[in-house]
Amino acid sequence: MTPWTLFLILTALGTLVAGQLLLKWALNEDEDPAPPRPARQRRALVFAGGILSMTISFFVNLGLLQQHDLSFVFPFQGLSVIMVVACAWLFLKERLTLPLVGGALLITAGVILVSAS
């Protein structure tokens, strides 16, 4: 794997995780349903940032798939589950439960097992 490929894989994963976290934060139901105008504008900007981030991830993944086999690119997507859980706990203060962590690990293990066969 070349350094450029590693950079693209990390970019795809990072932008996917960032996009999911930004969308979750923007759509958080705990906030006031009718916030003042500056808060609505900030929420809209965060939402747009999440969409932009996920769009970047999509196109970087397409570029990776043009250069590499799906069996090479796909296993890295399994890491996104663990990264989303860890970053949601760290940045969004989500509660981690044993079933949540176990499920994330099982999904990641399943992706690795499928890609290894």
PDB file of N, CA and C in Angstrom:
ATOM      1  N   MET A   1       0.853  -1.166   0.000  1.00  0.00           N
ATOM      2  CA  MET A   1       0.000   0.000   0.000  1.00  0.00           C
ATOM      3  C   MET A   1       0.905   1.237   0.000  1.00  0.00           C
ATOM      4  N   THR A   2       0.580   2.141  -0.890  1.00  0.00           N
ATOM      5  CA  THR A   2       1.373   3.363  -0.990  1.00  0.00           C
ATOM      6  C   THR A   2       0.905   4.380   0.055  1.00  0.00           C
ATOM      7  N   PRO A   3       1.739   5.348   0.382  1.00  0.00           N
ATOM      8  CA  PRO A   3       1.315   6.390   1.321  1.00  0.00           C
ATOM      9  C   PRO A   3       0.080   7.159   0.817  1.00  0.00           C
ATOM     10  N   TRP A   4      -0.018   7.355  -0.494  1.00  0.00           N
ATOM     11  CA  TRP A   4      -1.174   8.059  -1.057  1.00  0.00           C
ATOM     12  C   TRP A   4      -2.455   7.260  -0.832  1.00  0.00           C
ATOM     13  N   THR A   5      -2.390   5.939  -1.034  1.00  0.00           N
ATOM     14  CA  THR A   5      -3.561   5.089  -0.808  1.00  0.00           C
ATOM     15  C   THR A   5      -3.964   5.122   0.656  1.00  0.00           C
ATOM     16  N   LEU A   6      -2.990   5.036   1.545  1.00  0.00           N
ATOM     17  CA  LEU A   6      -3.289   5.108   2.979  1.00  0.00           C
ATOM     18  C   LEU A   6      -3.931   6.445   3.333  1.00  0.00           C
ATOM     19  N   PHE A   7      -3.422   7.528   2.758  1.00  0.00           N
ATOM     20  CA  PHE A   7      -4.004   8.855   2.985  1.00  0.00           C
ATOM     21  C   PHE A   7      -5.460   8.895   2.516  1.00  0.00           C
ATOM     22  N   LEU A   8      -5.741   8.338   1.334  1.00  0.00           N
ATOM     23  CA  LEU A   8      -7.111   8.337   0.813  1.00  0.00           C
ATOM     24  C   LEU A   8      -8.038   7.478   1.670  1.00  0.00           C
ATOM     25  N   ILE A   9      -7.555   6.346   2.142  1.00  0.00           N
ATOM     26  CA  ILE A   9      -8.380   5.491   2.998  1.00  0.00           C
ATOM     27  C   ILE A   9      -8.706   6.213   4.300  1.00  0.00           C
ATOM     28  N   LEU A  10      -7.699   6.822   4.912  1.00  0.00           N
ATOM     29  CA  LEU A  10      -7.934   7.556   6.157  1.00  0.00           C
ATOM     30  C   LEU A  10      -8.835   8.767   5.938  1.00  0.00           C
ATOM     31  N   THR A  11      -8.700   9.416   4.775  1.00  0.00           N
ATOM     32  CA  THR A  11      -9.577  10.539   4.443  1.00  0.00           C
ATOM     33  C   THR A  11     -11.021  10.067   4.293  1.00  0.00           C
ATOM     34  N   ALA A  12     -11.208   8.962   3.592  1.00  0.00           N
ATOM     35  CA  ALA A  12     -12.562   8.424   3.408  1.00  0.00           C
ATOM     36  C   ALA A  12     -13.188   8.062   4.750  1.00  0.00           C
ATOM     37  N   LEU A  13     -12.427   7.388   5.607  1.00  0.00           N
ATOM     38  CA  LEU A  13     -12.947   7.014   6.918  1.00  0.00           C
ATOM     39  C   LEU A  13     -13.210   8.237   7.790  1.00  0.00           C
ATOM     40  N   GLY A  14     -12.258   9.156   7.807  1.00  0.00           N
ATOM     41  CA  GLY A  14     -12.410  10.354   8.637  1.00  0.00           C
ATOM     42  C   GLY A  14     -13.584  11.213   8.231  1.00  0.00           C
ATOM     43  N   THR A  15     -13.768  11.400   6.930  1.00  0.00           N
ATOM     44  CA  THR A  15     -14.887  12.231   6.484  1.00  0.00           C
ATOM     45  C   THR A  15     -16.225  11.528   6.685  1.00  0.00           C
ATOM     46  N   LEU A  16     -16.244  10.188   6.563  1.00  0.00           N
ATOM     47  CA  LEU A  16     -17.482   9.455   6.831  1.00  0.00           C
ATOM     48  C   LEU A  16     -17.875   9.589   8.301  1.00  0.00           C
ATOM     49  N   VAL A  17     -16.921   9.383   9.194  1.00  0.00           N
ATOM     50  CA  VAL A  17     -17.193   9.488  10.628  1.00  0.00           C
ATOM     51  C   VAL A  17     -17.577  10.926  10.993  1.00  0.00           C
ATOM     52  N   ALA A  18     -16.833  11.891  10.486  1.00  0.00           N
ATOM     53  CA  ALA A  18     -17.147  13.296  10.775  1.00  0.00           C
ATOM     54  C   ALA A  18     -18.542  13.658  10.267  1.00  0.00           C
ATOM     55  N   GLY A  19     -18.889  13.198   9.079  1.00  0.00           N
ATOM     56  CA  GLY A  19     -20.210  13.482   8.527  1.00  0.00           C
ATOM     57  C   GLY A  19     -21.317  12.918   9.393  1.00  0.00           C
ATOM     58  N   GLN A  20     -21.141  11.680   9.846  1.00  0.00           N
ATOM     59  CA  GLN A  20     -22.172  11.072  10.691  1.00  0.00           C
ATOM     60  C   GLN A  20     -22.303  11.801  12.019  1.00  0.00           C
ATOM     61  N   LEU A  21     -21.183  12.194  12.591  1.00  0.00           N
ATOM     62  CA  LEU A  21     -21.237  12.917  13.870  1.00  0.00           C
ATOM     63  C   LEU A  21     -21.869  14.299  13.707  1.00  0.00           C
ATOM     64  N   LEU A  22     -21.521  14.989  12.626  1.00  0.00           N
ATOM     65  CA  LEU A  22     -22.100  16.318  12.400  1.00  0.00           C
ATOM     66  C   LEU A  22     -23.609  16.232  12.163  1.00  0.00           C
ATOM     67  N   LEU A  23     -24.048  15.244  11.396  1.00  0.00           N
ATOM     68  CA  LEU A  23     -25.492  15.086  11.170  1.00  0.00           C
ATOM     69  C   LEU A  23     -26.211  14.745  12.463  1.00  0.00           C
ATOM     70  N   LYS A  24     -25.625  13.881  13.278  1.00  0.00           N
ATOM     71  CA  LYS A  24     -26.239  13.525  14.559  1.00  0.00           C
ATOM     72  C   LYS A  24     -26.342  14.754  15.461  1.00  0.00           C
ATOM     73  N   TRP A  25     -25.274  15.558  15.493  1.00  0.00           N
ATOM     74  CA  TRP A  25     -25.297  16.743  16.339  1.00  0.00           C
ATOM     75  C   TRP A  25     -26.343  17.735  15.850  1.00  0.00           C
ATOM     76  N   ALA A  26     -26.414  17.925  14.530  1.00  0.00           N
ATOM     77  CA  ALA A  26     -27.362  18.899  13.975  1.00  0.00           C
ATOM     78  C   ALA A  26     -28.807  18.465  14.184  1.00  0.00           C
ATOM     79  N   LEU A  27     -29.052  17.179  14.193  1.00  0.00           N
ATOM     80  CA  LEU A  27     -30.422  16.669  14.309  1.00  0.00           C
ATOM     81  C   LEU A  27     -30.756  16.196  15.715  1.00  0.00           C
ATOM     82  N   ASN A  28     -29.938  16.564  16.666  1.00  0.00           N
ATOM     83  CA  ASN A  28     -30.147  16.130  18.031  1.00  0.00           C
ATOM     84  C   ASN A  28     -31.508  16.606  18.527  1.00  0.00           C
ATOM     85  N   GLU A  29     -32.314  15.680  18.990  1.00  0.00           N
ATOM     86  CA  GLU A  29     -33.678  16.009  19.410  1.00  0.00           C
ATOM     87  C   GLU A  29     -33.737  16.630  20.794  1.00  0.00           C
ATOM     88  N   ASP A  30     -32.623  16.610  21.521  1.00  0.00           N
ATOM     89  CA  ASP A  30     -32.622  17.182  22.858  1.00  0.00           C
ATOM     90  C   ASP A  30     -32.711  18.700  22.827  1.00  0.00           C
ATOM     91  N   GLU A  31     -32.376  19.285  21.702  1.00  0.00           N
ATOM     92  CA  GLU A  31     -32.384  20.736  21.607  1.00  0.00           C
ATOM     93  C   GLU A  31     -33.810  21.252  21.424  1.00  0.00           C
ATOM     94  N   ASP A  32     -33.983  22.509  21.659  1.00  0.00           N
ATOM     95  CA  ASP A  32     -35.275  23.177  21.522  1.00  0.00           C
ATOM     96  C   ASP A  32     -35.774  23.037  20.084  1.00  0.00           C
ATOM     97  N   PRO A  33     -37.028  22.601  19.873  1.00  0.00           N
ATOM     98  CA  PRO A  33     -37.537  22.448  18.512  1.00  0.00           C
ATOM     99  C   PRO A  33     -37.701  23.776  17.767  1.00  0.00           C
ATOM    100  N   ALA A  34     -37.798  24.878  18.490  1.00  0.00           N
ATOM    101  CA  ALA A  34     -37.921  26.187  17.851  1.00  0.00           C
ATOM    102  C   ALA A  34     -36.844  27.123  18.413  1.00  0.00           C
ATOM    103  N   PRO A  35     -35.576  26.859  18.078  1.00  0.00           N
ATOM    104  CA  PRO A  35     -34.505  27.688  18.634  1.00  0.00           C
ATOM    105  C   PRO A  35     -34.488  29.072  18.006  1.00  0.00           C
ATOM    106  N   PRO A  36     -33.792  30.017  18.611  1.00  0.00           N
ATOM    107  CA  PRO A  36     -33.675  31.338  18.008  1.00  0.00           C
ATOM    108  C   PRO A  36     -32.906  31.256  16.681  1.00  0.00           C
ATOM    109  N   ARG A  37     -33.023  32.302  15.902  1.00  0.00           N
ATOM    110  CA  ARG A  37     -32.464  32.313  14.550  1.00  0.00           C
ATOM    111  C   ARG A  37     -30.970  31.965  14.484  1.00  0.00           C
ATOM    112  N   PRO A  38     -30.087  32.548  15.321  1.00  0.00           N
ATOM    113  CA  PRO A  38     -28.663  32.173  15.225  1.00  0.00           C
ATOM    114  C   PRO A  38     -28.424  30.685  15.471  1.00  0.00           C
ATOM    115  N   ALA A  39     -29.181  30.096  16.388  1.00  0.00           N
ATOM    116  CA  ALA A  39     -29.020  28.659  16.656  1.00  0.00           C
ATOM    117  C   ALA A  39     -29.497  27.837  15.463  1.00  0.00           C
ATOM    118  N   ARG A  40     -30.568  28.280  14.816  1.00  0.00           N
ATOM    119  CA  ARG A  40     -31.049  27.571  13.609  1.00  0.00           C
ATOM    120  C   ARG A  40     -30.024  27.656  12.503  1.00  0.00           C
ATOM    121  N   GLN A  41     -29.425  28.831  12.347  1.00  0.00           N
ATOM    122  CA  GLN A  41     -28.399  28.994  11.309  1.00  0.00           C
ATOM    123  C   GLN A  41     -27.183  28.128  11.599  1.00  0.00           C
ATOM    124  N   ARG A  42     -26.769  28.074  12.845  1.00  0.00           N
ATOM    125  CA  ARG A  42     -25.623  27.232  13.217  1.00  0.00           C
ATOM    126  C   ARG A  42     -25.945  25.762  12.963  1.00  0.00           C
ATOM    127  N   ARG A  43     -27.164  25.353  13.326  1.00  0.00           N
ATOM    128  CA  ARG A  43     -27.576  23.961  13.103  1.00  0.00           C
ATOM    129  C   ARG A  43     -27.603  23.643  11.613  1.00  0.00           C
ATOM    130  N   ALA A  44     -28.060  24.588  10.799  1.00  0.00           N
ATOM    131  CA  ALA A  44     -28.092  24.381   9.348  1.00  0.00           C
ATOM    132  C   ALA A  44     -26.683  24.279   8.773  1.00  0.00           C
ATOM    133  N   LEU A  45     -25.763  25.091   9.277  1.00  0.00           N
ATOM    134  CA  LEU A  45     -24.375  25.018   8.813  1.00  0.00           C
ATOM    135  C   LEU A  45     -23.723  23.693   9.204  1.00  0.00           C
ATOM    136  N   VAL A  46     -23.989  23.231  10.411  1.00  0.00           N
ATOM    137  CA  VAL A  46     -23.440  21.944  10.843  1.00  0.00           C
ATOM    138  C   VAL A  46     -24.032  20.820   9.996  1.00  0.00           C
ATOM    139  N   PHE A  47     -25.317  20.894   9.723  1.00  0.00           N
ATOM    140  CA  PHE A  47     -25.978  19.893   8.875  1.00  0.00           C
ATOM    141  C   PHE A  47     -25.361  19.887   7.479  1.00  0.00           C
ATOM    142  N   ALA A  48     -25.164  21.068   6.910  1.00  0.00           N
ATOM    143  CA  ALA A  48     -24.535  21.172   5.582  1.00  0.00           C
ATOM    144  C   ALA A  48     -23.106  20.638   5.618  1.00  0.00           C
ATOM    145  N   GLY A  49     -22.390  20.895   6.708  1.00  0.00           N
ATOM    146  CA  GLY A  49     -21.041  20.351   6.858  1.00  0.00           C
ATOM    147  C   GLY A  49     -21.040  18.836   6.899  1.00  0.00           C
ATOM    148  N   GLY A  50     -22.032  18.257   7.545  1.00  0.00           N
ATOM    149  CA  GLY A  50     -22.156  16.801   7.588  1.00  0.00           C
ATOM    150  C   GLY A  50     -22.410  16.220   6.204  1.00  0.00           C
ATOM    151  N   ILE A  51     -23.287  16.871   5.446  1.00  0.00           N
ATOM    152  CA  ILE A  51     -23.569  16.403   4.088  1.00  0.00           C
ATOM    153  C   ILE A  51     -22.323  16.547   3.214  1.00  0.00           C
ATOM    154  N   LEU A  52     -21.631  17.676   3.331  1.00  0.00           N
ATOM    155  CA  LEU A  52     -20.403  17.882   2.562  1.00  0.00           C
ATOM    156  C   LEU A  52     -19.349  16.832   2.916  1.00  0.00           C
ATOM    157  N   SER A  53     -19.195  16.558   4.190  1.00  0.00           N
ATOM    158  CA  SER A  53     -18.215  15.572   4.638  1.00  0.00           C
ATOM    159  C   SER A  53     -18.534  14.182   4.095  1.00  0.00           C
ATOM    160  N   MET A  54     -19.793  13.794   4.141  1.00  0.00           N
ATOM    161  CA  MET A  54     -20.170  12.478   3.626  1.00  0.00           C
ATOM    162  C   MET A  54     -20.060  12.424   2.101  1.00  0.00           C
ATOM    163  N   THR A  55     -20.272  13.540   1.436  1.00  0.00           N
ATOM    164  CA  THR A  55     -20.094  13.599  -0.014  1.00  0.00           C
ATOM    165  C   THR A  55     -18.627  13.405  -0.380  1.00  0.00           C
ATOM    166  N   ILE A  56     -17.744  14.041   0.364  1.00  0.00           N
ATOM    167  CA  ILE A  56     -16.315  13.858   0.135  1.00  0.00           C
ATOM    168  C   ILE A  56     -15.940  12.396   0.329  1.00  0.00           C
ATOM    169  N   SER A  57     -16.449  11.795   1.394  1.00  0.00           N
ATOM    170  CA  SER A  57     -16.174  10.378   1.657  1.00  0.00           C
ATOM    171  C   SER A  57     -16.641   9.506   0.499  1.00  0.00           C
ATOM    172  N   PHE A  58     -17.822   9.788  -0.032  1.00  0.00           N
ATOM    173  CA  PHE A  58     -18.370   9.017  -1.146  1.00  0.00           C
ATOM    174  C   PHE A  58     -17.459   9.078  -2.369  1.00  0.00           C
ATOM    175  N   PHE A  59     -17.031  10.286  -2.726  1.00  0.00           N
ATOM    176  CA  PHE A  59     -16.210  10.427  -3.923  1.00  0.00           C
ATOM    177  C   PHE A  59     -14.793   9.886  -3.727  1.00  0.00           C
ATOM    178  N   VAL A  60     -14.255  10.009  -2.523  1.00  0.00           N
ATOM    179  CA  VAL A  60     -12.939   9.414  -2.266  1.00  0.00           C
ATOM    180  C   VAL A  60     -13.040   7.890  -2.352  1.00  0.00           C
ATOM    181  N   ASN A  61     -14.126   7.328  -1.821  1.00  0.00           N
ATOM    182  CA  ASN A  61     -14.330   5.880  -1.939  1.00  0.00           C
ATOM    183  C   ASN A  61     -14.456   5.452  -3.396  1.00  0.00           C
ATOM    184  N   LEU A  62     -15.155   6.229  -4.200  1.00  0.00           N
ATOM    185  CA  LEU A  62     -15.251   5.902  -5.628  1.00  0.00           C
ATOM    186  C   LEU A  62     -13.874   5.903  -6.280  1.00  0.00           C
ATOM    187  N   GLY A  63     -13.059   6.891  -5.938  1.00  0.00           N
ATOM    188  CA  GLY A  63     -11.702   6.946  -6.464  1.00  0.00           C
ATOM    189  C   GLY A  63     -10.873   5.750  -6.025  1.00  0.00           C
ATOM    190  N   LEU A  64     -11.035   5.351  -4.766  1.00  0.00           N
ATOM    191  CA  LEU A  64     -10.312   4.174  -4.279  1.00  0.00           C
ATOM    192  C   LEU A  64     -10.758   2.916  -5.020  1.00  0.00           C
ATOM    193  N   LEU A  65     -12.051   2.812  -5.274  1.00  0.00           N
ATOM    194  CA  LEU A  65     -12.563   1.620  -5.960  1.00  0.00           C
ATOM    195  C   LEU A  65     -12.134   1.581  -7.421  1.00  0.00           C
ATOM    196  N   GLN A  66     -11.841   2.734  -8.005  1.00  0.00           N
ATOM    197  CA  GLN A  66     -11.318   2.743  -9.369  1.00  0.00           C
ATOM    198  C   GLN A  66      -9.893   2.209  -9.412  1.00  0.00           C
ATOM    199  N   GLN A  67      -9.138   2.402  -8.332  1.00  0.00           N
ATOM    200  CA  GLN A  67      -7.733   2.020  -8.302  1.00  0.00           C
ATOM    201  C   GLN A  67      -7.486   0.654  -7.657  1.00  0.00           C
ATOM    202  N   HIS A  68      -8.394   0.206  -6.802  1.00  0.00           N
ATOM    203  CA  HIS A  68      -8.172  -1.020  -6.035  1.00  0.00           C
ATOM    204  C   HIS A  68      -9.413  -1.899  -6.079  1.00  0.00           C
ATOM    205  N   ASP A  69      -9.222  -3.170  -5.781  1.00  0.00           N
ATOM    206  CA  ASP A  69     -10.338  -4.112  -5.718  1.00  0.00           C
ATOM    207  C   ASP A  69     -11.212  -3.821  -4.501  1.00  0.00           C
ATOM    208  N   LEU A  70     -12.466  -4.201  -4.617  1.00  0.00           N
ATOM    209  CA  LEU A  70     -13.397  -4.035  -3.505  1.00  0.00           C
ATOM    210  C   LEU A  70     -12.911  -4.817  -2.284  1.00  0.00           C
ATOM    211  N   SER A  71     -12.310  -5.968  -2.516  1.00  0.00           N
ATOM    212  CA  SER A  71     -11.818  -6.784  -1.395  1.00  0.00           C
ATOM    213  C   SER A  71     -10.689  -6.093  -0.635  1.00  0.00           C
ATOM    214  N   PHE A  72     -10.035  -5.118  -1.235  1.00  0.00           N
ATOM    215  CA  PHE A  72      -8.995  -4.346  -0.553  1.00  0.00           C
ATOM    216  C   PHE A  72      -9.608  -3.168   0.208  1.00  0.00           C
ATOM    217  N   VAL A  73     -10.569  -2.490  -0.389  1.00  0.00           N
ATOM    218  CA  VAL A  73     -11.143  -1.271   0.202  1.00  0.00           C
ATOM    219  C   VAL A  73     -12.176  -1.591   1.279  1.00  0.00           C
ATOM    220  N   PHE A  74     -12.970  -2.636   1.076  1.00  0.00           N
ATOM    221  CA  PHE A  74     -14.097  -2.944   1.954  1.00  0.00           C
ATOM    222  C   PHE A  74     -13.715  -3.182   3.411  1.00  0.00           C
ATOM    223  N   PRO A  75     -12.630  -3.903   3.719  1.00  0.00           N
ATOM    224  CA  PRO A  75     -12.324  -4.141   5.138  1.00  0.00           C
ATOM    225  C   PRO A  75     -12.102  -2.865   5.944  1.00  0.00           C
ATOM    226  N   PHE A  76     -11.613  -1.833   5.311  1.00  0.00           N
ATOM    227  CA  PHE A  76     -11.400  -0.583   6.038  1.00  0.00           C
ATOM    228  C   PHE A  76     -12.723   0.055   6.447  1.00  0.00           C
ATOM    229  N   GLN A  77     -13.791  -0.233   5.715  1.00  0.00           N
ATOM    230  CA  GLN A  77     -15.095   0.320   6.067  1.00  0.00           C
ATOM    231  C   GLN A  77     -15.602  -0.262   7.384  1.00  0.00           C
ATOM    232  N   GLY A  78     -15.151  -1.458   7.727  1.00  0.00           N
ATOM    233  CA  GLY A  78     -15.527  -2.054   9.001  1.00  0.00           C
ATOM    234  C   GLY A  78     -15.008  -1.257  10.186  1.00  0.00           C
ATOM    235  N   LEU A  79     -13.913  -0.561   9.985  1.00  0.00           N
ATOM    236  CA  LEU A  79     -13.365   0.266  11.054  1.00  0.00           C
ATOM    237  C   LEU A  79     -14.247   1.474  11.356  1.00  0.00           C
ATOM    238  N   SER A  80     -15.046   1.889  10.386  1.00  0.00           N
ATOM    239  CA  SER A  80     -15.876   3.079  10.590  1.00  0.00           C
ATOM    240  C   SER A  80     -16.882   2.876  11.724  1.00  0.00           C
ATOM    241  N   VAL A  81     -17.342   1.646  11.921  1.00  0.00           N
ATOM    242  CA  VAL A  81     -18.306   1.380  12.988  1.00  0.00           C
ATOM    243  C   VAL A  81     -17.668   1.667  14.350  1.00  0.00           C
ATOM    244  N   ILE A  82     -16.475   1.154  14.550  1.00  0.00           N
ATOM    245  CA  ILE A  82     -15.780   1.383  15.821  1.00  0.00           C
ATOM    246  C   ILE A  82     -15.437   2.859  15.979  1.00  0.00           C
ATOM    247  N   MET A  83     -15.017   3.489  14.888  1.00  0.00           N
ATOM    248  CA  MET A  83     -14.658   4.909  14.961  1.00  0.00           C
ATOM    249  C   MET A  83     -15.867   5.774  15.295  1.00  0.00           C
ATOM    250  N   VAL A  84     -17.025   5.471  14.718  1.00  0.00           N
ATOM    251  CA  VAL A  84     -18.232   6.253  15.001  1.00  0.00           C
ATOM    252  C   VAL A  84     -18.626   6.097  16.467  1.00  0.00           C
ATOM    253  N   VAL A  85     -18.588   4.876  16.963  1.00  0.00           N
ATOM    254  CA  VAL A  85     -18.951   4.642  18.369  1.00  0.00           C
ATOM    255  C   VAL A  85     -17.996   5.386  19.297  1.00  0.00           C
ATOM    256  N   ALA A  86     -16.690   5.269  19.037  1.00  0.00           N
ATOM    257  CA  ALA A  86     -15.705   5.928  19.896  1.00  0.00           C
ATOM    258  C   ALA A  86     -15.824   7.450  19.824  1.00  0.00           C
ATOM    259  N   CYS A  87     -15.997   7.985  18.627  1.00  0.00           N
ATOM    260  CA  CYS A  87     -16.090   9.448  18.479  1.00  0.00           C
ATOM    261  C   CYS A  87     -17.405   9.987  19.030  1.00  0.00           C
ATOM    262  N   ALA A  88     -18.486   9.221  18.916  1.00  0.00           N
ATOM    263  CA  ALA A  88     -19.760   9.654  19.502  1.00  0.00           C
ATOM    264  C   ALA A  88     -19.649   9.710  21.020  1.00  0.00           C
ATOM    265  N   TRP A  89     -18.951   8.748  21.594  1.00  0.00           N
ATOM    266  CA  TRP A  89     -18.733   8.762  23.036  1.00  0.00           C
ATOM    267  C   TRP A  89     -17.854   9.947  23.437  1.00  0.00           C
ATOM    268  N   LEU A  90     -16.817  10.182  22.644  1.00  0.00           N
ATOM    269  CA  LEU A  90     -15.847  11.221  22.988  1.00  0.00           C
ATOM    270  C   LEU A  90     -16.391  12.636  22.755  1.00  0.00           C
ATOM    271  N   PHE A  91     -16.996  12.873  21.597  1.00  0.00           N
ATOM    272  CA  PHE A  91     -17.398  14.233  21.222  1.00  0.00           C
ATOM    273  C   PHE A  91     -18.852  14.556  21.530  1.00  0.00           C
ATOM    274  N   LEU A  92     -19.743  13.577  21.404  1.00  0.00           N
ATOM    275  CA  LEU A  92     -21.167  13.843  21.624  1.00  0.00           C
ATOM    276  C   LEU A  92     -21.640  13.395  23.002  1.00  0.00           C
ATOM    277  N   LYS A  93     -20.709  12.850  23.782  1.00  0.00           N
ATOM    278  CA  LYS A  93     -21.020  12.391  25.144  1.00  0.00           C
ATOM    279  C   LYS A  93     -22.118  11.329  25.158  1.00  0.00           C
ATOM    280  N   GLU A  94     -22.120  10.472  24.142  1.00  0.00           N
ATOM    281  CA  GLU A  94     -23.075   9.359  24.089  1.00  0.00           C
ATOM    282  C   GLU A  94     -22.689   8.337  25.146  1.00  0.00           C
ATOM    283  N   ARG A  95     -23.686   7.655  25.679  1.00  0.00           N
ATOM    284  CA  ARG A  95     -23.429   6.606  26.662  1.00  0.00           C
ATOM    285  C   ARG A  95     -23.061   5.315  25.948  1.00  0.00           C
ATOM    286  N   LEU A  96     -21.992   4.679  26.389  1.00  0.00           N
ATOM    287  CA  LEU A  96     -21.611   3.383  25.836  1.00  0.00           C
ATOM    288  C   LEU A  96     -22.163   2.288  26.731  1.00  0.00           C
ATOM    289  N   THR A  97     -22.892   1.376  26.118  1.00  0.00           N
ATOM    290  CA  THR A  97     -23.389   0.227  26.853  1.00  0.00           C
ATOM    291  C   THR A  97     -22.680  -1.013  26.328  1.00  0.00           C
ATOM    292  N   LEU A  98     -22.716  -2.058  27.105  1.00  0.00           N
ATOM    293  CA  LEU A  98     -22.067  -3.299  26.706  1.00  0.00           C
ATOM    294  C   LEU A  98     -22.649  -3.851  25.399  1.00  0.00           C
ATOM    295  N   PRO A  99     -23.984  -3.857  25.222  1.00  0.00           N
ATOM    296  CA  PRO A  99     -24.517  -4.342  23.941  1.00  0.00           C
ATOM    297  C   PRO A  99     -24.075  -3.492  22.741  1.00  0.00           C
ATOM    298  N   LEU A 100     -23.954  -2.192  22.936  1.00  0.00           N
ATOM    299  CA  LEU A 100     -23.520  -1.315  21.857  1.00  0.00           C
ATOM    300  C   LEU A 100     -22.075  -1.615  21.455  1.00  0.00           C
ATOM    301  N   VAL A 101     -21.208  -1.715  22.435  1.00  0.00           N
ATOM    302  CA  VAL A 101     -19.799  -2.011  22.151  1.00  0.00           C
ATOM    303  C   VAL A 101     -19.671  -3.411  21.566  1.00  0.00           C
ATOM    304  N   GLY A 102     -20.378  -4.363  22.126  1.00  0.00           N
ATOM    305  CA  GLY A 102     -20.338  -5.726  21.598  1.00  0.00           C
ATOM    306  C   GLY A 102     -20.842  -5.798  20.171  1.00  0.00           C
ATOM    307  N   GLY A 103     -21.907  -5.084  19.880  1.00  0.00           N
ATOM    308  CA  GLY A 103     -22.443  -5.066  18.513  1.00  0.00           C
ATOM    309  C   GLY A 103     -21.469  -4.443  17.528  1.00  0.00           C
ATOM    310  N   ALA A 104     -20.836  -3.355  17.928  1.00  0.00           N
ATOM    311  CA  ALA A 104     -19.855  -2.712  17.048  1.00  0.00           C
ATOM    312  C   ALA A 104     -18.683  -3.642  16.773  1.00  0.00           C
ATOM    313  N   LEU A 105     -18.227  -4.339  17.803  1.00  0.00           N
ATOM    314  CA  LEU A 105     -17.118  -5.283  17.620  1.00  0.00           C
ATOM    315  C   LEU A 105     -17.534  -6.466  16.747  1.00  0.00           C
ATOM    316  N   LEU A 106     -18.765  -6.953  16.917  1.00  0.00           N
ATOM    317  CA  LEU A 106     -19.241  -8.063  16.082  1.00  0.00           C
ATOM    318  C   LEU A 106     -19.369  -7.657  14.617  1.00  0.00           C
ATOM    319  N   ILE A 107     -19.857  -6.460  14.377  1.00  0.00           N
ATOM    320  CA  ILE A 107     -19.969  -5.975  12.992  1.00  0.00           C
ATOM    321  C   ILE A 107     -18.587  -5.878  12.365  1.00  0.00           C
ATOM    322  N   THR A 108     -17.653  -5.306  13.087  1.00  0.00           N
ATOM    323  CA  THR A 108     -16.299  -5.167  12.570  1.00  0.00           C
ATOM    324  C   THR A 108     -15.661  -6.530  12.337  1.00  0.00           C
ATOM    325  N   ALA A 109     -15.826  -7.450  13.272  1.00  0.00           N
ATOM    326  CA  ALA A 109     -15.282  -8.803  13.105  1.00  0.00           C
ATOM    327  C   ALA A 109     -15.918  -9.491  11.903  1.00  0.00           C
ATOM    328  N   GLY A 110     -17.218  -9.293  11.713  1.00  0.00           N
ATOM    329  CA  GLY A 110     -17.902  -9.891  10.565  1.00  0.00           C
ATOM    330  C   GLY A 110     -17.367  -9.363   9.239  1.00  0.00           C
ATOM    331  N   VAL A 111     -17.144  -8.064   9.186  1.00  0.00           N
ATOM    332  CA  VAL A 111     -16.593  -7.475   7.958  1.00  0.00           C
ATOM    333  C   VAL A 111     -15.206  -8.037   7.686  1.00  0.00           C
ATOM    334  N   ILE A 112     -14.400  -8.150   8.715  1.00  0.00           N
ATOM    335  CA  ILE A 112     -13.041  -8.689   8.552  1.00  0.00           C
ATOM    336  C   ILE A 112     -13.097 -10.142   8.118  1.00  0.00           C
ATOM    337  N   LEU A 113     -13.976 -10.948   8.720  1.00  0.00           N
ATOM    338  CA  LEU A 113     -14.098 -12.359   8.337  1.00  0.00           C
ATOM    339  C   LEU A 113     -14.564 -12.523   6.894  1.00  0.00           C
ATOM    340  N   VAL A 114     -15.534 -11.713   6.485  1.00  0.00           N
ATOM    341  CA  VAL A 114     -16.036 -11.806   5.112  1.00  0.00           C
ATOM    342  C   VAL A 114     -14.946 -11.391   4.111  1.00  0.00           C
ATOM    343  N   SER A 115     -14.211 -10.358   4.449  1.00  0.00           N
ATOM    344  CA  SER A 115     -13.177  -9.899   3.519  1.00  0.00           C
ATOM    345  C   SER A 115     -11.989 -10.849   3.476  1.00  0.00           C
ATOM    346  N   ALA A 116     -11.752 -11.605   4.558  1.00  0.00           N
ATOM    347  CA  ALA A 116     -10.627 -12.531   4.580  1.00  0.00           C
ATOM    348  C   ALA A 116     -10.914 -13.817   3.800  1.00  0.00           C
ATOM    349  N   SER A 117     -12.184 -14.099   3.558  1.00  0.00           N
ATOM    350  CA  SER A 117     -12.506 -15.353   2.856  1.00  0.00           C
ATOM    351  C   SER A 117     -12.481 -15.219   1.355  1.00  0.00           C
TER     352      SER A 117
END
